[in-house]
Each structure stands twice: as structure tokens, then as C-alpha cells.
Amino acid sequence: MANSRTFTASAPSTLTPPPVSGRGRLRAVAPDEVVQIADFLPPGATWLPAPQHTLPTLPGQPPMVGYLVLVPAGQEPVAATPAPVRPEASHAPAPGPIRIDAVQRAAEVEGRVLDLTYLEFELLAHLVAHPHRVHTRDQLVTTVWGYGHVGDGRTVDVHVARLRRKLGAEHRRTIQTVRRVGYKYAPPTPR
């Protein structure tokens, strides 16, 4: 097969898997980044370009490139050990009155625990993690709801309205609307 590539390692002990993020997802590779594919594959594995129709598409973005990895029968895939999560990293204080605890999946505003749905929590956590950054509705649909979600920016508008209501009158302005673009989290500046 012309497009396939086969890698063999001299010994299984030379194969060191790269660290994997806490969520266990693959990371994107920059266009100019050089990656040693052999470091990611077990001995005897073959990789092939994935058919384009099997890859997700993002509106306004170039098509994605993906690969299928074929492992010989009876050979267990190399499982990368997730990097240990430092407790202080998950509780790093974000600027502003809203606190997100990703481990407990809890959000609070000035000590008051918020009763949020799964998607409301994900949306709020994403906005708080990137203060002052403007997110388009399409970006929020892609990152919070996922690639396969069938919906539009109106879904984001409804969830933001619910979040603002739950934050209360004093803190609802921390999620700001950027007209004709999307939303941003803008924590109040200390006086």
C-alpha cells in the first residue's frame, strides 16, 4: 500500500509514550511542528491516512487530517500513563468573584454555590478559564457542546441567559455580550 507506513522498534523498552493530558484527548499539532510518529506507536504498528468523511469539520476552518493506527492482532496497545494532576493546579484561583472547582464540578459566586446543569457548568468553566477573551458562538458550540452537536448560536444565547440569571443581579455583568460576535467573561477589577 503506497500511503501506509510501518514502524518497528528495536526493543519494546525503547518506546516511551508521550504524556497524556488529564482528559485523555489528543492534542493538535502546529503546521510547522515536527513530531516523531514512531514515539507514539507500538512496535509493528501501521498507520494510514483516515478517510476524509470520518473526520469532523469546523466551519470556516481547513479540513482536518487524521490517521488510522493498525496494531498487529494479539498485541496490546501501549497505554500512556496520565500525568499526575497537581491538587493546587485544579484549585488555582481565577480572577473575579466566580470560583470553579473542576474536581468537584462545583461553581460558586462569592461563597454561594450555584445549581448548574452539566452544559451550564461547562460553559461557565470555559468562560472563566479564559477571562477577557472573546468567544464566538460557533467556538463555544464546538468547545462546550462538541463537534457532533447539531445546533446554532441561539443555543449559546439561551444558556448564557440562564447562567446570568443564576449568577444574580450583582454578577450577571461578568459575562458580557460582544455584539454580533459572542461572549466574554470580564471579572470586575479590584478598586
N, C-alpha and C. Protein backbone atom coordinates (compact mmCIF):
# COMPACT_ATOMS: atom_id res chain seq x y z
N MET A 1 0.85 -1.16 0.00
CA MET A 1 0.00 0.00 0.00
C MET A 1 0.90 1.23 0.00
N ALA A 2 0.67 2.15 -0.90
CA ALA A 2 1.57 3.28 -1.09
C ALA A 2 1.51 4.29 0.05
N ASN A 3 0.36 4.48 0.66
CA ASN A 3 0.23 5.51 1.68
C ASN A 3 0.49 5.02 3.09
N SER A 4 0.72 3.74 3.28
CA SER A 4 0.91 3.24 4.64
C SER A 4 2.36 3.37 5.06
N ARG A 5 2.56 3.43 6.34
CA ARG A 5 3.91 3.49 6.88
C ARG A 5 3.98 2.51 8.04
N THR A 6 5.04 1.74 8.09
CA THR A 6 5.21 0.77 9.16
C THR A 6 6.45 1.15 9.95
N PHE A 7 6.32 1.14 11.28
CA PHE A 7 7.42 1.45 12.15
C PHE A 7 7.70 0.24 13.02
N THR A 8 8.95 -0.06 13.20
CA THR A 8 9.32 -1.12 14.12
C THR A 8 10.35 -0.56 15.08
N ALA A 9 10.23 -0.94 16.32
CA ALA A 9 11.18 -0.52 17.33
C ALA A 9 12.12 -1.69 17.61
N SER A 10 13.36 -1.36 17.95
CA SER A 10 14.33 -2.42 18.19
C SER A 10 13.97 -3.22 19.44
N ALA A 11 13.44 -2.56 20.44
CA ALA A 11 13.04 -3.26 21.67
C ALA A 11 11.86 -2.51 22.27
N PRO A 12 10.92 -3.23 22.87
CA PRO A 12 9.78 -2.54 23.47
C PRO A 12 10.18 -1.54 24.55
N SER A 13 11.32 -1.76 25.20
CA SER A 13 11.73 -0.86 26.27
C SER A 13 12.15 0.51 25.74
N THR A 14 12.46 0.62 24.44
CA THR A 14 12.87 1.92 23.91
C THR A 14 11.68 2.81 23.62
N LEU A 15 10.50 2.24 23.63
CA LEU A 15 9.31 3.01 23.33
C LEU A 15 8.83 3.71 24.59
N THR A 16 8.84 5.03 24.59
CA THR A 16 8.35 5.79 25.72
C THR A 16 7.18 6.62 25.25
N PRO A 17 5.99 6.33 25.73
CA PRO A 17 4.83 7.08 25.29
C PRO A 17 4.88 8.51 25.80
N PRO A 18 4.36 9.45 25.03
CA PRO A 18 4.34 10.83 25.48
C PRO A 18 3.31 11.00 26.59
N PRO A 19 3.48 12.04 27.41
CA PRO A 19 2.48 12.25 28.47
C PRO A 19 1.14 12.61 27.86
N VAL A 20 0.09 12.16 28.52
CA VAL A 20 -1.26 12.40 28.05
C VAL A 20 -1.94 13.37 29.00
N SER A 21 -2.73 14.27 28.48
CA SER A 21 -3.42 15.23 29.33
C SER A 21 -4.44 14.51 30.21
N GLY A 22 -4.92 15.20 31.23
CA GLY A 22 -5.86 14.60 32.17
C GLY A 22 -7.16 14.14 31.52
N ARG A 23 -7.55 14.75 30.41
CA ARG A 23 -8.80 14.36 29.77
C ARG A 23 -8.60 13.22 28.79
N GLY A 24 -7.36 12.84 28.48
CA GLY A 24 -7.11 11.71 27.61
C GLY A 24 -7.38 11.98 26.14
N ARG A 25 -7.32 13.22 25.71
CA ARG A 25 -7.56 13.54 24.32
C ARG A 25 -6.25 13.82 23.62
N LEU A 26 -6.28 13.69 22.30
CA LEU A 26 -5.11 14.03 21.51
C LEU A 26 -5.00 15.53 21.39
N ARG A 27 -3.78 16.01 21.26
CA ARG A 27 -3.59 17.44 21.10
C ARG A 27 -3.38 17.77 19.62
N ALA A 28 -3.66 18.97 19.26
CA ALA A 28 -3.45 19.41 17.89
C ALA A 28 -1.96 19.64 17.67
N VAL A 29 -1.52 19.45 16.45
CA VAL A 29 -0.13 19.66 16.10
C VAL A 29 -0.06 20.90 15.23
N ALA A 30 0.85 21.80 15.55
CA ALA A 30 1.03 23.02 14.77
C ALA A 30 1.54 22.66 13.37
N PRO A 31 1.19 23.47 12.37
CA PRO A 31 1.61 23.15 10.99
C PRO A 31 3.13 23.02 10.83
N ASP A 32 3.90 23.78 11.61
CA ASP A 32 5.36 23.73 11.47
C ASP A 32 6.03 22.83 12.51
N GLU A 33 5.24 22.14 13.33
CA GLU A 33 5.79 21.29 14.38
C GLU A 33 6.20 19.94 13.81
N VAL A 34 7.37 19.47 14.21
CA VAL A 34 7.87 18.17 13.78
C VAL A 34 7.60 17.18 14.91
N VAL A 35 6.88 16.12 14.60
CA VAL A 35 6.51 15.11 15.59
C VAL A 35 7.10 13.77 15.16
N GLN A 36 7.70 13.08 16.10
CA GLN A 36 8.24 11.75 15.82
C GLN A 36 7.12 10.74 16.02
N ILE A 37 6.50 10.31 14.93
CA ILE A 37 5.36 9.41 15.00
C ILE A 37 5.75 8.08 15.65
N ALA A 38 6.95 7.63 15.41
CA ALA A 38 7.39 6.34 15.95
C ALA A 38 7.32 6.31 17.48
N ASP A 39 7.44 7.47 18.13
CA ASP A 39 7.36 7.52 19.59
C ASP A 39 5.95 7.24 20.10
N PHE A 40 4.97 7.40 19.24
CA PHE A 40 3.59 7.22 19.64
C PHE A 40 3.06 5.81 19.35
N LEU A 41 3.75 5.06 18.52
CA LEU A 41 3.23 3.78 18.05
C LEU A 41 3.94 2.59 18.69
N PRO A 42 3.21 1.51 18.94
CA PRO A 42 3.86 0.29 19.43
C PRO A 42 4.61 -0.39 18.29
N PRO A 43 5.52 -1.30 18.60
CA PRO A 43 6.29 -1.98 17.55
C PRO A 43 5.36 -2.72 16.58
N GLY A 44 5.66 -2.60 15.29
CA GLY A 44 4.91 -3.32 14.27
C GLY A 44 3.62 -2.64 13.85
N ALA A 45 3.32 -1.48 14.41
CA ALA A 45 2.07 -0.79 14.07
C ALA A 45 2.19 -0.13 12.70
N THR A 46 1.05 -0.02 12.04
CA THR A 46 0.97 0.62 10.73
C THR A 46 -0.02 1.76 10.83
N TRP A 47 0.28 2.88 10.18
CA TRP A 47 -0.67 3.98 10.19
C TRP A 47 -1.03 4.37 8.77
N LEU A 48 -2.32 4.68 8.60
CA LEU A 48 -2.86 5.01 7.29
C LEU A 48 -3.62 6.33 7.37
N PRO A 49 -3.67 7.10 6.30
CA PRO A 49 -4.50 8.30 6.32
C PRO A 49 -5.96 7.92 6.50
N ALA A 50 -6.66 8.64 7.35
CA ALA A 50 -8.08 8.37 7.59
C ALA A 50 -8.91 8.94 6.44
N PRO A 51 -9.98 8.27 6.07
CA PRO A 51 -10.86 8.82 5.04
C PRO A 51 -11.43 10.17 5.49
N GLN A 52 -11.50 11.13 4.59
CA GLN A 52 -11.91 12.47 4.94
C GLN A 52 -13.32 12.52 5.53
N HIS A 53 -14.21 11.64 5.09
CA HIS A 53 -15.58 11.69 5.60
C HIS A 53 -15.69 11.24 7.05
N THR A 54 -14.64 10.65 7.63
CA THR A 54 -14.69 10.20 9.02
C THR A 54 -14.20 11.27 9.99
N LEU A 55 -13.69 12.38 9.48
CA LEU A 55 -13.12 13.42 10.33
C LEU A 55 -14.12 14.54 10.55
N PRO A 56 -14.11 15.13 11.75
CA PRO A 56 -15.02 16.25 11.99
C PRO A 56 -14.62 17.47 11.17
N THR A 57 -15.57 18.31 10.87
CA THR A 57 -15.29 19.55 10.14
C THR A 57 -15.71 20.73 11.00
N LEU A 58 -14.94 21.79 10.93
CA LEU A 58 -15.24 23.01 11.65
C LEU A 58 -15.56 24.09 10.64
N PRO A 59 -16.64 24.83 10.86
CA PRO A 59 -17.00 25.88 9.90
C PRO A 59 -15.89 26.92 9.79
N GLY A 60 -15.52 27.27 8.58
CA GLY A 60 -14.51 28.29 8.35
C GLY A 60 -13.09 27.83 8.57
N GLN A 61 -12.87 26.56 8.83
CA GLN A 61 -11.53 26.04 9.08
C GLN A 61 -11.14 25.07 7.96
N PRO A 62 -9.83 24.92 7.70
CA PRO A 62 -9.43 23.95 6.68
C PRO A 62 -9.75 22.54 7.14
N PRO A 63 -9.85 21.61 6.20
CA PRO A 63 -10.18 20.23 6.58
C PRO A 63 -9.10 19.64 7.49
N MET A 64 -9.54 18.78 8.40
CA MET A 64 -8.61 18.13 9.33
C MET A 64 -7.94 16.95 8.66
N VAL A 65 -6.79 16.58 9.19
CA VAL A 65 -6.06 15.41 8.71
C VAL A 65 -5.99 14.43 9.87
N GLY A 66 -6.28 13.18 9.60
CA GLY A 66 -6.24 12.18 10.65
C GLY A 66 -5.66 10.88 10.12
N TYR A 67 -5.30 9.99 11.03
CA TYR A 67 -4.70 8.73 10.65
C TYR A 67 -5.34 7.59 11.43
N LEU A 68 -5.38 6.43 10.81
CA LEU A 68 -5.81 5.21 11.46
C LEU A 68 -4.55 4.43 11.84
N VAL A 69 -4.52 3.90 13.05
CA VAL A 69 -3.37 3.11 13.51
C VAL A 69 -3.80 1.66 13.59
N LEU A 70 -3.09 0.80 12.88
CA LEU A 70 -3.38 -0.63 12.88
C LEU A 70 -2.31 -1.33 13.71
N VAL A 71 -2.76 -2.09 14.72
CA VAL A 71 -1.85 -2.80 15.61
C VAL A 71 -1.98 -4.28 15.32
N PRO A 72 -0.88 -5.04 15.25
CA PRO A 72 -0.96 -6.47 14.98
C PRO A 72 -1.86 -7.18 16.00
N ALA A 73 -2.58 -8.20 15.53
CA ALA A 73 -3.50 -8.95 16.38
C ALA A 73 -2.77 -9.56 17.57
N GLY A 74 -3.42 -9.52 18.72
CA GLY A 74 -2.85 -10.11 19.92
C GLY A 74 -1.88 -9.21 20.64
N GLN A 75 -1.60 -8.06 20.09
CA GLN A 75 -0.66 -7.14 20.75
C GLN A 75 -1.46 -6.05 21.45
N GLU A 76 -1.23 -5.89 22.73
CA GLU A 76 -1.94 -4.87 23.50
C GLU A 76 -1.41 -3.50 23.13
N PRO A 77 -2.29 -2.53 22.94
CA PRO A 77 -1.82 -1.18 22.65
C PRO A 77 -1.10 -0.60 23.85
N VAL A 78 -0.14 0.27 23.58
CA VAL A 78 0.61 0.91 24.64
C VAL A 78 -0.29 1.94 25.29
N ALA A 79 -0.52 1.77 26.57
CA ALA A 79 -1.37 2.73 27.29
C ALA A 79 -0.48 3.75 27.96
N ALA A 80 -0.69 5.00 27.60
CA ALA A 80 0.09 6.06 28.22
C ALA A 80 -0.47 6.34 29.60
N THR A 81 0.42 6.53 30.55
CA THR A 81 0.00 6.84 31.90
C THR A 81 -0.29 8.32 31.99
N PRO A 82 -1.49 8.68 32.44
CA PRO A 82 -1.80 10.10 32.52
C PRO A 82 -0.87 10.82 33.49
N ALA A 83 -0.54 12.04 33.14
CA ALA A 83 0.31 12.84 34.01
C ALA A 83 -0.46 13.13 35.29
N PRO A 84 0.21 13.05 36.44
CA PRO A 84 -0.50 13.30 37.69
C PRO A 84 -0.99 14.75 37.74
N VAL A 85 -2.20 14.91 38.23
CA VAL A 85 -2.77 16.24 38.35
C VAL A 85 -2.40 16.79 39.72
N ARG A 86 -1.76 17.94 39.70
CA ARG A 86 -1.40 18.56 40.97
C ARG A 86 -2.65 19.15 41.59
N PRO A 87 -2.90 18.89 42.87
CA PRO A 87 -4.10 19.41 43.50
C PRO A 87 -4.19 20.92 43.44
N GLU A 88 -3.06 21.62 43.59
CA GLU A 88 -3.11 23.07 43.57
C GLU A 88 -3.43 23.60 42.18
N ALA A 89 -3.16 22.82 41.12
CA ALA A 89 -3.46 23.28 39.78
C ALA A 89 -4.96 23.31 39.52
N SER A 90 -5.71 22.36 40.09
CA SER A 90 -7.15 22.34 39.86
C SER A 90 -7.89 23.37 40.70
N HIS A 91 -7.22 23.90 41.72
CA HIS A 91 -7.86 24.88 42.58
C HIS A 91 -7.22 26.25 42.42
N ALA A 92 -6.55 26.49 41.31
CA ALA A 92 -5.91 27.78 41.09
C ALA A 92 -6.99 28.86 41.04
N PRO A 93 -6.85 29.89 41.85
CA PRO A 93 -7.89 30.91 41.89
C PRO A 93 -7.92 31.72 40.60
N ALA A 94 -9.10 31.84 40.06
CA ALA A 94 -9.28 32.66 38.86
C ALA A 94 -9.61 34.07 39.32
N PRO A 95 -9.30 35.05 38.50
CA PRO A 95 -9.65 36.41 38.91
C PRO A 95 -11.16 36.58 38.93
N GLY A 96 -11.63 37.31 39.92
CA GLY A 96 -13.06 37.60 39.97
C GLY A 96 -13.79 36.83 41.05
N PRO A 97 -15.08 37.09 41.16
CA PRO A 97 -15.88 36.51 42.24
C PRO A 97 -16.32 35.07 41.99
N ILE A 98 -16.19 34.59 40.75
CA ILE A 98 -16.66 33.24 40.42
C ILE A 98 -15.53 32.25 40.60
N ARG A 99 -15.78 31.19 41.34
CA ARG A 99 -14.80 30.13 41.56
C ARG A 99 -15.33 28.84 40.96
N ILE A 100 -14.44 28.14 40.23
CA ILE A 100 -14.79 26.88 39.59
C ILE A 100 -13.92 25.79 40.20
N ASP A 101 -14.54 24.73 40.68
CA ASP A 101 -13.82 23.57 41.18
C ASP A 101 -14.10 22.43 40.20
N ALA A 102 -13.14 22.19 39.29
CA ALA A 102 -13.34 21.18 38.25
C ALA A 102 -13.40 19.77 38.82
N VAL A 103 -12.71 19.51 39.93
CA VAL A 103 -12.71 18.18 40.52
C VAL A 103 -14.07 17.85 41.11
N GLN A 104 -14.63 18.79 41.85
CA GLN A 104 -15.94 18.59 42.47
C GLN A 104 -17.08 18.95 41.52
N ARG A 105 -16.74 19.54 40.37
CA ARG A 105 -17.72 20.04 39.40
C ARG A 105 -18.71 20.97 40.09
N ALA A 106 -18.13 21.94 40.79
CA ALA A 106 -18.95 22.90 41.51
C ALA A 106 -18.51 24.31 41.13
N ALA A 107 -19.47 25.20 41.08
CA ALA A 107 -19.19 26.61 40.81
C ALA A 107 -19.84 27.42 41.93
N GLU A 108 -19.14 28.45 42.35
CA GLU A 108 -19.70 29.32 43.37
C GLU A 108 -19.38 30.76 43.05
N VAL A 109 -20.26 31.63 43.48
CA VAL A 109 -20.05 33.06 43.32
C VAL A 109 -20.09 33.68 44.71
N GLU A 110 -18.96 34.23 45.13
CA GLU A 110 -18.77 34.80 46.46
C GLU A 110 -19.27 33.87 47.57
N GLY A 111 -18.90 32.61 47.48
CA GLY A 111 -19.23 31.63 48.50
C GLY A 111 -20.59 30.96 48.34
N ARG A 112 -21.43 31.45 47.45
CA ARG A 112 -22.75 30.86 47.22
C ARG A 112 -22.64 29.83 46.10
N VAL A 113 -22.97 28.58 46.39
CA VAL A 113 -22.88 27.50 45.41
C VAL A 113 -24.00 27.66 44.39
N LEU A 114 -23.64 27.53 43.11
CA LEU A 114 -24.61 27.65 42.02
C LEU A 114 -25.14 26.27 41.65
N ASP A 115 -26.42 26.19 41.38
CA ASP A 115 -27.05 24.95 40.93
C ASP A 115 -27.09 24.99 39.40
N LEU A 116 -26.09 24.34 38.77
CA LEU A 116 -25.94 24.41 37.32
C LEU A 116 -26.15 23.05 36.67
N THR A 117 -26.67 23.07 35.47
CA THR A 117 -26.74 21.84 34.68
C THR A 117 -25.35 21.52 34.15
N TYR A 118 -25.21 20.35 33.54
CA TYR A 118 -23.91 19.94 33.00
C TYR A 118 -23.37 20.96 32.00
N LEU A 119 -24.18 21.35 31.03
CA LEU A 119 -23.72 22.28 29.99
C LEU A 119 -23.53 23.70 30.54
N GLU A 120 -24.35 24.11 31.48
CA GLU A 120 -24.14 25.43 32.09
C GLU A 120 -22.80 25.47 32.81
N PHE A 121 -22.49 24.38 33.54
CA PHE A 121 -21.20 24.33 34.22
C PHE A 121 -20.04 24.36 33.23
N GLU A 122 -20.13 23.55 32.17
CA GLU A 122 -19.07 23.52 31.16
C GLU A 122 -18.87 24.88 30.51
N LEU A 123 -19.96 25.55 30.20
CA LEU A 123 -19.89 26.88 29.57
C LEU A 123 -19.26 27.89 30.51
N LEU A 124 -19.72 27.92 31.76
CA LEU A 124 -19.17 28.86 32.74
C LEU A 124 -17.70 28.57 33.01
N ALA A 125 -17.34 27.29 33.16
CA ALA A 125 -15.95 26.93 33.42
C ALA A 125 -15.06 27.36 32.25
N HIS A 126 -15.54 27.20 31.03
CA HIS A 126 -14.75 27.58 29.86
C HIS A 126 -14.56 29.10 29.81
N LEU A 127 -15.62 29.85 30.06
CA LEU A 127 -15.51 31.31 30.03
C LEU A 127 -14.60 31.82 31.14
N VAL A 128 -14.74 31.27 32.35
CA VAL A 128 -13.93 31.72 33.48
C VAL A 128 -12.46 31.35 33.28
N ALA A 129 -12.20 30.23 32.62
CA ALA A 129 -10.82 29.80 32.38
C ALA A 129 -10.10 30.72 31.39
N HIS A 130 -10.86 31.47 30.60
CA HIS A 130 -10.27 32.38 29.60
C HIS A 130 -10.84 33.78 29.78
N PRO A 131 -10.47 34.47 30.88
CA PRO A 131 -11.05 35.80 31.12
C PRO A 131 -10.63 36.80 30.05
N HIS A 132 -11.54 37.70 29.71
CA HIS A 132 -11.34 38.78 28.75
C HIS A 132 -11.16 38.30 27.31
N ARG A 133 -11.25 37.02 27.06
CA ARG A 133 -11.12 36.50 25.70
C ARG A 133 -12.52 36.41 25.08
N VAL A 134 -12.66 36.95 23.88
CA VAL A 134 -13.95 36.93 23.20
C VAL A 134 -14.09 35.58 22.49
N HIS A 135 -15.21 34.91 22.75
CA HIS A 135 -15.51 33.62 22.13
C HIS A 135 -16.69 33.80 21.20
N THR A 136 -16.56 33.36 19.95
CA THR A 136 -17.70 33.41 19.06
C THR A 136 -18.69 32.32 19.48
N ARG A 137 -19.91 32.45 19.04
CA ARG A 137 -20.91 31.44 19.36
C ARG A 137 -20.52 30.09 18.78
N ASP A 138 -19.97 30.10 17.56
CA ASP A 138 -19.54 28.84 16.93
C ASP A 138 -18.41 28.19 17.73
N GLN A 139 -17.46 28.99 18.22
CA GLN A 139 -16.38 28.43 19.04
C GLN A 139 -16.93 27.80 20.31
N LEU A 140 -17.89 28.46 20.93
CA LEU A 140 -18.47 27.91 22.16
C LEU A 140 -19.25 26.63 21.88
N VAL A 141 -19.99 26.60 20.78
CA VAL A 141 -20.72 25.37 20.43
C VAL A 141 -19.72 24.23 20.22
N THR A 142 -18.63 24.51 19.52
CA THR A 142 -17.64 23.47 19.24
C THR A 142 -16.93 22.99 20.50
N THR A 143 -16.50 23.93 21.36
CA THR A 143 -15.71 23.51 22.53
C THR A 143 -16.57 22.98 23.67
N VAL A 144 -17.74 23.54 23.89
CA VAL A 144 -18.56 23.12 25.03
C VAL A 144 -19.50 21.97 24.65
N TRP A 145 -20.20 22.10 23.54
CA TRP A 145 -21.16 21.08 23.14
C TRP A 145 -20.50 19.94 22.38
N GLY A 146 -19.43 20.21 21.67
CA GLY A 146 -18.70 19.18 20.93
C GLY A 146 -18.93 19.27 19.45
N TYR A 147 -18.07 18.56 18.69
CA TYR A 147 -18.10 18.61 17.24
C TYR A 147 -19.41 18.11 16.65
N GLY A 148 -19.99 17.09 17.25
CA GLY A 148 -21.16 16.46 16.66
C GLY A 148 -22.47 17.15 16.98
N HIS A 149 -22.43 18.27 17.72
CA HIS A 149 -23.67 18.94 18.12
C HIS A 149 -24.34 19.60 16.92
N VAL A 150 -25.61 19.34 16.79
CA VAL A 150 -26.39 19.99 15.75
C VAL A 150 -27.14 21.13 16.42
N GLY A 151 -26.73 22.33 16.15
CA GLY A 151 -27.35 23.48 16.77
C GLY A 151 -26.73 24.74 16.22
N ASP A 152 -27.11 25.87 16.81
CA ASP A 152 -26.59 27.13 16.34
C ASP A 152 -26.26 28.03 17.52
N GLY A 153 -25.95 29.28 17.22
CA GLY A 153 -25.59 30.24 18.25
C GLY A 153 -26.72 30.55 19.21
N ARG A 154 -27.95 30.31 18.80
CA ARG A 154 -29.08 30.58 19.68
C ARG A 154 -29.03 29.69 20.92
N THR A 155 -28.53 28.49 20.78
CA THR A 155 -28.35 27.59 21.93
C THR A 155 -27.44 28.23 22.96
N VAL A 156 -26.36 28.84 22.49
CA VAL A 156 -25.43 29.52 23.40
C VAL A 156 -26.13 30.69 24.09
N ASP A 157 -26.90 31.46 23.32
CA ASP A 157 -27.61 32.61 23.89
C ASP A 157 -28.53 32.18 25.04
N VAL A 158 -29.25 31.10 24.86
CA VAL A 158 -30.18 30.61 25.88
C VAL A 158 -29.40 30.20 27.14
N HIS A 159 -28.30 29.48 26.97
CA HIS A 159 -27.53 29.03 28.13
C HIS A 159 -26.86 30.21 28.85
N VAL A 160 -26.40 31.20 28.10
CA VAL A 160 -25.81 32.38 28.74
C VAL A 160 -26.88 33.12 29.54
N ALA A 161 -28.08 33.24 28.99
CA ALA A 161 -29.16 33.91 29.73
C ALA A 161 -29.46 33.17 31.04
N ARG A 162 -29.47 31.85 31.00
CA ARG A 162 -29.70 31.07 32.22
C ARG A 162 -28.57 31.26 33.23
N LEU A 163 -27.33 31.29 32.72
CA LEU A 163 -26.18 31.50 33.61
C LEU A 163 -26.27 32.86 34.28
N ARG A 164 -26.57 33.88 33.50
CA ARG A 164 -26.67 35.22 34.08
C ARG A 164 -27.75 35.27 35.17
N ARG A 165 -28.86 34.62 34.93
CA ARG A 165 -29.93 34.58 35.92
C ARG A 165 -29.44 33.91 37.20
N LYS A 166 -28.69 32.83 37.07
CA LYS A 166 -28.21 32.09 38.24
C LYS A 166 -27.08 32.83 38.96
N LEU A 167 -26.32 33.65 38.23
CA LEU A 167 -25.25 34.42 38.87
C LEU A 167 -25.82 35.54 39.74
N GLY A 168 -27.01 35.99 39.41
CA GLY A 168 -27.64 37.05 40.21
C GLY A 168 -27.38 38.42 39.62
N ALA A 169 -28.16 39.39 40.11
CA ALA A 169 -28.10 40.74 39.56
C ALA A 169 -26.72 41.38 39.72
N GLU A 170 -26.05 41.08 40.82
CA GLU A 170 -24.76 41.72 41.09
C GLU A 170 -23.64 41.22 40.17
N HIS A 171 -23.71 39.97 39.74
CA HIS A 171 -22.60 39.37 38.98
C HIS A 171 -22.96 39.01 37.54
N ARG A 172 -24.17 39.29 37.12
CA ARG A 172 -24.58 38.90 35.77
C ARG A 172 -23.77 39.62 34.70
N ARG A 173 -23.22 40.80 35.03
CA ARG A 173 -22.46 41.56 34.04
C ARG A 173 -21.05 41.01 33.82
N THR A 174 -20.65 40.00 34.58
CA THR A 174 -19.32 39.42 34.35
C THR A 174 -19.27 38.65 33.04
N ILE A 175 -20.43 38.17 32.56
CA ILE A 175 -20.50 37.56 31.23
C ILE A 175 -21.05 38.62 30.29
N GLN A 176 -20.17 39.15 29.47
CA GLN A 176 -20.54 40.28 28.61
C GLN A 176 -20.81 39.81 27.19
N THR A 177 -21.76 40.48 26.56
CA THR A 177 -22.07 40.22 25.16
C THR A 177 -21.20 41.11 24.29
N VAL A 178 -20.56 40.52 23.31
CA VAL A 178 -19.84 41.28 22.29
C VAL A 178 -20.73 41.23 21.06
N ARG A 179 -21.35 42.34 20.75
CA ARG A 179 -22.37 42.38 19.70
C ARG A 179 -21.89 41.79 18.39
N ARG A 180 -22.75 40.95 17.82
CA ARG A 180 -22.55 40.29 16.53
C ARG A 180 -21.36 39.34 16.52
N VAL A 181 -20.79 39.05 17.70
CA VAL A 181 -19.64 38.14 17.77
C VAL A 181 -19.91 36.99 18.73
N GLY A 182 -20.05 37.30 20.02
CA GLY A 182 -20.22 36.24 21.00
C GLY A 182 -20.19 36.78 22.41
N TYR A 183 -19.40 36.12 23.28
CA TYR A 183 -19.40 36.45 24.70
C TYR A 183 -17.98 36.41 25.24
N LYS A 184 -17.80 37.10 26.40
CA LYS A 184 -16.55 37.02 27.14
C LYS A 184 -16.83 37.14 28.63
N TYR A 185 -15.94 36.58 29.42
CA TYR A 185 -16.00 36.70 30.87
C TYR A 185 -15.08 37.84 31.25
N ALA A 186 -15.63 38.84 31.92
CA ALA A 186 -14.85 40.01 32.34
C ALA A 186 -15.04 40.20 33.84
N PRO A 187 -14.14 39.64 34.65
CA PRO A 187 -14.28 39.80 36.10
C PRO A 187 -14.08 41.27 36.48
N PRO A 188 -14.77 41.71 37.52
CA PRO A 188 -14.61 43.11 37.94
C PRO A 188 -13.19 43.36 38.41
N THR A 189 -12.70 44.55 38.11
CA THR A 189 -11.35 44.91 38.53
C THR A 189 -11.39 45.40 39.97
N PRO A 190 -10.40 45.00 40.79
CA PRO A 190 -10.37 45.45 42.18
C PRO A 190 -10.16 46.96 42.25
N ARG A 191 -10.83 47.59 43.20
CA ARG A 191 -10.73 49.06 43.32
C ARG A 191 -9.73 49.46 44.34
